[in-house]
Amino acid sequence: MLKELKASWDKLEDQRQRMLSMIEDLPTDQLQFAPSADRWSILQVIQHVVQGETAMLHSEKELRNHPLREHLQPGDIVGIVKDLLEKDMVDAVPDPSMEPDGNMTLDELRRLWHEKRQAMTVLLDTVREENRNRVMFSHVASGPLTALQMLEIAEAHLGTHTRQIEQLLKEFPTRRT
């Protein structure tokens, strides 16, 4: 993997491990707790993140042999989307298919996330110096993305949802004895 991709990938993986370690020993009722009908539970947050990474893999597959791929240019809006995510200014999911249903267990989500991460590693290993600026992915809000831009968006996205989980952990009602 190219050095810059590896550095970004390692940072993203550290962030993922941090998120998982925050919730690994939580009871089911806390994983499923949603403070209100319009907010997600921890399991829904994790499911959404996995759905996002799955969508990125799917976008690469769709673009891989598409004749228009050679005409696509990485978008300028990437920085704006990344900034909005980092400042927690995104209130709605840009694609309704990314709404989590909360019907998966943490173990199922962990296994699925691991599978998607392995597949992403294989893809990122195909990036070479001569094709590093080529559009490889597409994002509903950011548009066409290079591999590095995709990792930057993924990192900002994971950061947003890590903070969301931290907030959910604070809001979980504690039992008084």
Protein backbone atom coordinates (compact mmCIF):
# COMPACT_ATOMS: atom_id res chain seq x y z
CA MET A 1 0.00 0.00 0.00
CA LEU A 2 1.28 3.48 -0.80
CA LYS A 3 2.82 5.22 2.20
CA GLU A 4 0.22 8.02 2.41
CA LEU A 5 -2.65 5.54 2.07
CA LYS A 6 -1.11 3.27 4.70
CA ALA A 7 -0.75 6.16 7.15
CA SER A 8 -4.36 7.20 6.63
CA TRP A 9 -5.58 3.58 6.76
CA ASP A 10 -3.71 2.93 10.01
CA LYS A 11 -5.20 6.07 11.55
CA LEU A 12 -8.67 4.98 10.49
CA GLU A 13 -8.12 1.48 11.87
CA ASP A 14 -6.92 2.91 15.20
CA GLN A 15 -10.06 5.04 15.33
CA ARG A 16 -12.21 1.98 14.59
CA GLN A 17 -10.51 -0.03 17.35
CA ARG A 18 -11.02 2.86 19.78
CA MET A 19 -14.71 2.98 18.93
CA LEU A 20 -15.12 -0.76 19.38
CA SER A 21 -13.21 -0.79 22.66
CA MET A 22 -15.58 1.88 24.03
CA ILE A 23 -18.55 -0.45 23.58
CA GLU A 24 -17.20 -3.99 23.75
CA ASP A 25 -18.39 -4.74 27.29
CA LEU A 26 -21.68 -2.85 27.22
CA PRO A 27 -24.89 -4.70 28.04
CA THR A 28 -27.45 -5.16 25.28
CA ASP A 29 -29.87 -2.64 26.78
CA GLN A 30 -27.20 0.06 26.60
CA LEU A 31 -26.24 -0.87 23.03
CA GLN A 32 -29.91 -0.60 22.04
CA PHE A 33 -30.67 2.57 24.02
CA ALA A 34 -31.85 5.51 21.92
CA PRO A 35 -32.57 8.70 23.91
CA SER A 36 -35.48 9.61 21.62
CA ALA A 37 -37.34 8.34 18.57
CA ASP A 38 -35.34 10.60 16.26
CA ARG A 39 -31.92 9.48 17.52
CA TRP A 40 -29.95 6.30 16.93
CA SER A 41 -28.77 3.69 19.38
CA ILE A 42 -25.12 2.65 19.56
CA LEU A 43 -25.90 -0.43 17.46
CA GLN A 44 -27.57 1.76 14.84
CA VAL A 45 -24.54 4.06 14.76
CA ILE A 46 -22.21 1.10 14.19
CA GLN A 47 -24.54 -0.34 11.56
CA HIS A 48 -24.59 3.00 9.74
CA VAL A 49 -20.79 3.21 9.72
CA VAL A 50 -20.55 -0.32 8.32
CA GLN A 51 -23.21 0.55 5.72
CA GLY A 52 -21.14 3.56 4.71
CA GLU A 53 -18.00 1.50 4.19
CA THR A 54 -20.04 -1.11 2.31
CA ALA A 55 -21.38 1.63 0.04
CA MET A 56 -17.86 2.83 -0.71
CA LEU A 57 -16.86 -0.69 -1.75
CA HIS A 58 -19.97 -0.92 -3.89
CA SER A 59 -19.19 2.41 -5.56
CA GLU A 60 -15.71 1.20 -6.47
CA LYS A 61 -17.16 -1.94 -8.03
CA GLU A 62 -19.63 0.13 -10.06
CA LEU A 63 -16.91 2.49 -11.27
CA ARG A 64 -14.21 -0.13 -11.87
CA ASN A 65 -15.00 -0.83 -15.53
CA HIS A 66 -17.34 2.04 -16.27
CA PRO A 67 -16.32 3.99 -19.40
CA LEU A 68 -17.07 7.33 -17.76
CA ARG A 69 -14.58 6.69 -14.95
CA GLU A 70 -11.71 8.05 -17.04
CA HIS A 71 -13.56 11.35 -17.43
CA LEU A 72 -14.36 11.86 -13.75
CA GLN A 73 -12.31 14.28 -11.71
CA PRO A 74 -12.04 14.21 -7.94
CA GLY A 75 -14.45 16.76 -6.53
CA ASP A 76 -13.66 20.01 -4.77
CA ILE A 77 -16.52 19.50 -2.34
CA VAL A 78 -14.61 16.80 -0.42
CA GLY A 79 -13.07 19.36 1.90
CA ILE A 80 -16.45 20.91 2.63
CA VAL A 81 -18.06 17.56 3.45
CA LYS A 82 -15.07 16.59 5.60
CA ASP A 83 -15.27 19.92 7.45
CA LEU A 84 -19.02 19.51 8.06
CA LEU A 85 -18.44 16.01 9.45
CA GLU A 86 -15.58 17.11 11.67
CA LYS A 87 -17.71 19.93 13.09
CA ASP A 88 -20.71 17.61 13.60
CA MET A 89 -22.80 19.83 11.34
CA VAL A 90 -24.47 16.99 9.43
CA ASP A 91 -27.94 16.28 10.79
CA ALA A 92 -29.35 13.97 8.14
CA VAL A 93 -28.15 10.94 6.24
CA PRO A 94 -27.63 12.02 2.59
CA ASP A 95 -28.82 8.63 1.29
CA PRO A 96 -31.94 7.02 2.82
CA SER A 97 -30.47 3.54 2.23
CA MET A 98 -27.88 4.42 4.90
CA GLU A 99 -30.53 4.61 7.63
CA PRO A 100 -29.81 1.75 10.04
CA ASP A 101 -32.62 -0.53 11.19
CA GLY A 102 -30.85 -1.69 14.37
CA ASN A 103 -31.60 -5.35 13.66
CA MET A 104 -28.02 -6.62 13.89
CA THR A 105 -26.08 -7.68 16.96
CA LEU A 106 -22.73 -6.21 17.84
CA ASP A 107 -21.03 -9.51 16.97
CA GLU A 108 -22.69 -9.54 13.53
CA LEU A 109 -21.68 -5.93 12.91
CA ARG A 110 -18.14 -6.56 14.08
CA ARG A 111 -17.78 -9.55 11.71
CA LEU A 112 -19.27 -7.63 8.78
CA TRP A 113 -17.07 -4.61 9.47
CA HIS A 114 -13.99 -6.82 9.58
CA GLU A 115 -14.95 -8.38 6.20
CA LYS A 116 -15.44 -4.95 4.64
CA ARG A 117 -12.13 -3.76 6.03
CA GLN A 118 -10.34 -6.74 4.53
CA ALA A 119 -11.93 -6.06 1.14
CA MET A 120 -10.95 -2.38 1.38
CA THR A 121 -7.35 -3.34 2.16
CA VAL A 122 -7.23 -5.46 -0.99
CA LEU A 123 -8.53 -2.51 -3.04
CA LEU A 124 -6.13 -0.02 -1.52
CA ASP A 125 -3.25 -2.36 -2.28
CA THR A 126 -4.03 -1.90 -5.99
CA VAL A 127 -3.30 1.82 -5.86
CA ARG A 128 0.09 2.72 -7.29
CA GLU A 129 1.91 6.00 -7.76
CA GLU A 130 0.74 6.24 -11.39
CA ASN A 131 -2.97 5.85 -10.51
CA ARG A 132 -3.09 7.48 -7.05
CA ASN A 133 -4.98 10.55 -8.38
CA ARG A 134 -7.49 8.49 -10.32
CA VAL A 135 -11.13 8.44 -9.23
CA MET A 136 -11.75 5.16 -7.48
CA PHE A 137 -14.85 5.78 -5.36
CA SER A 138 -17.97 7.88 -5.37
CA HIS A 139 -19.79 9.37 -2.40
CA VAL A 140 -23.34 10.67 -2.45
CA ALA A 141 -22.35 14.05 -0.96
CA SER A 142 -18.69 14.36 -1.98
CA GLY A 143 -18.89 13.04 -5.51
CA PRO A 144 -15.93 11.31 -7.21
CA LEU A 145 -13.06 10.43 -4.86
CA THR A 146 -9.51 9.21 -5.05
CA ALA A 147 -8.50 6.50 -2.58
CA LEU A 148 -6.92 9.05 -0.25
CA GLN A 149 -9.98 11.31 -0.37
CA MET A 150 -12.19 8.33 0.45
CA LEU A 151 -10.03 7.59 3.50
CA GLU A 152 -10.23 11.23 4.59
CA ILE A 153 -14.03 11.17 4.33
CA ALA A 154 -14.16 7.81 6.14
CA GLU A 155 -12.01 9.19 8.95
CA ALA A 156 -14.19 12.28 9.37
CA HIS A 157 -17.32 10.11 9.22
CA LEU A 158 -16.00 7.71 11.85
CA GLY A 159 -14.99 10.65 14.05
CA THR A 160 -18.50 12.07 13.88
CA HIS A 161 -20.01 8.78 14.93
CA THR A 162 -17.42 8.15 17.63
CA ARG A 163 -18.47 11.44 19.20
CA GLN A 164 -22.09 10.41 18.78
CA ILE A 165 -21.43 7.18 20.71
CA GLU A 166 -19.58 9.10 23.43
CA GLN A 167 -22.67 11.28 23.82
CA LEU A 168 -24.95 8.24 23.97
CA LEU A 169 -22.76 6.74 26.70
CA LYS A 170 -23.20 9.93 28.74
CA GLU A 171 -26.96 9.95 28.23
CA PHE A 172 -27.61 6.34 29.21
CA PRO A 173 -29.68 6.34 32.39
CA THR A 174 -27.73 4.93 35.31
CA ARG A 175 -29.51 2.84 37.85
CA ARG A 176 -29.45 4.00 41.41
CA THR A 177 -29.14 1.43 44.15
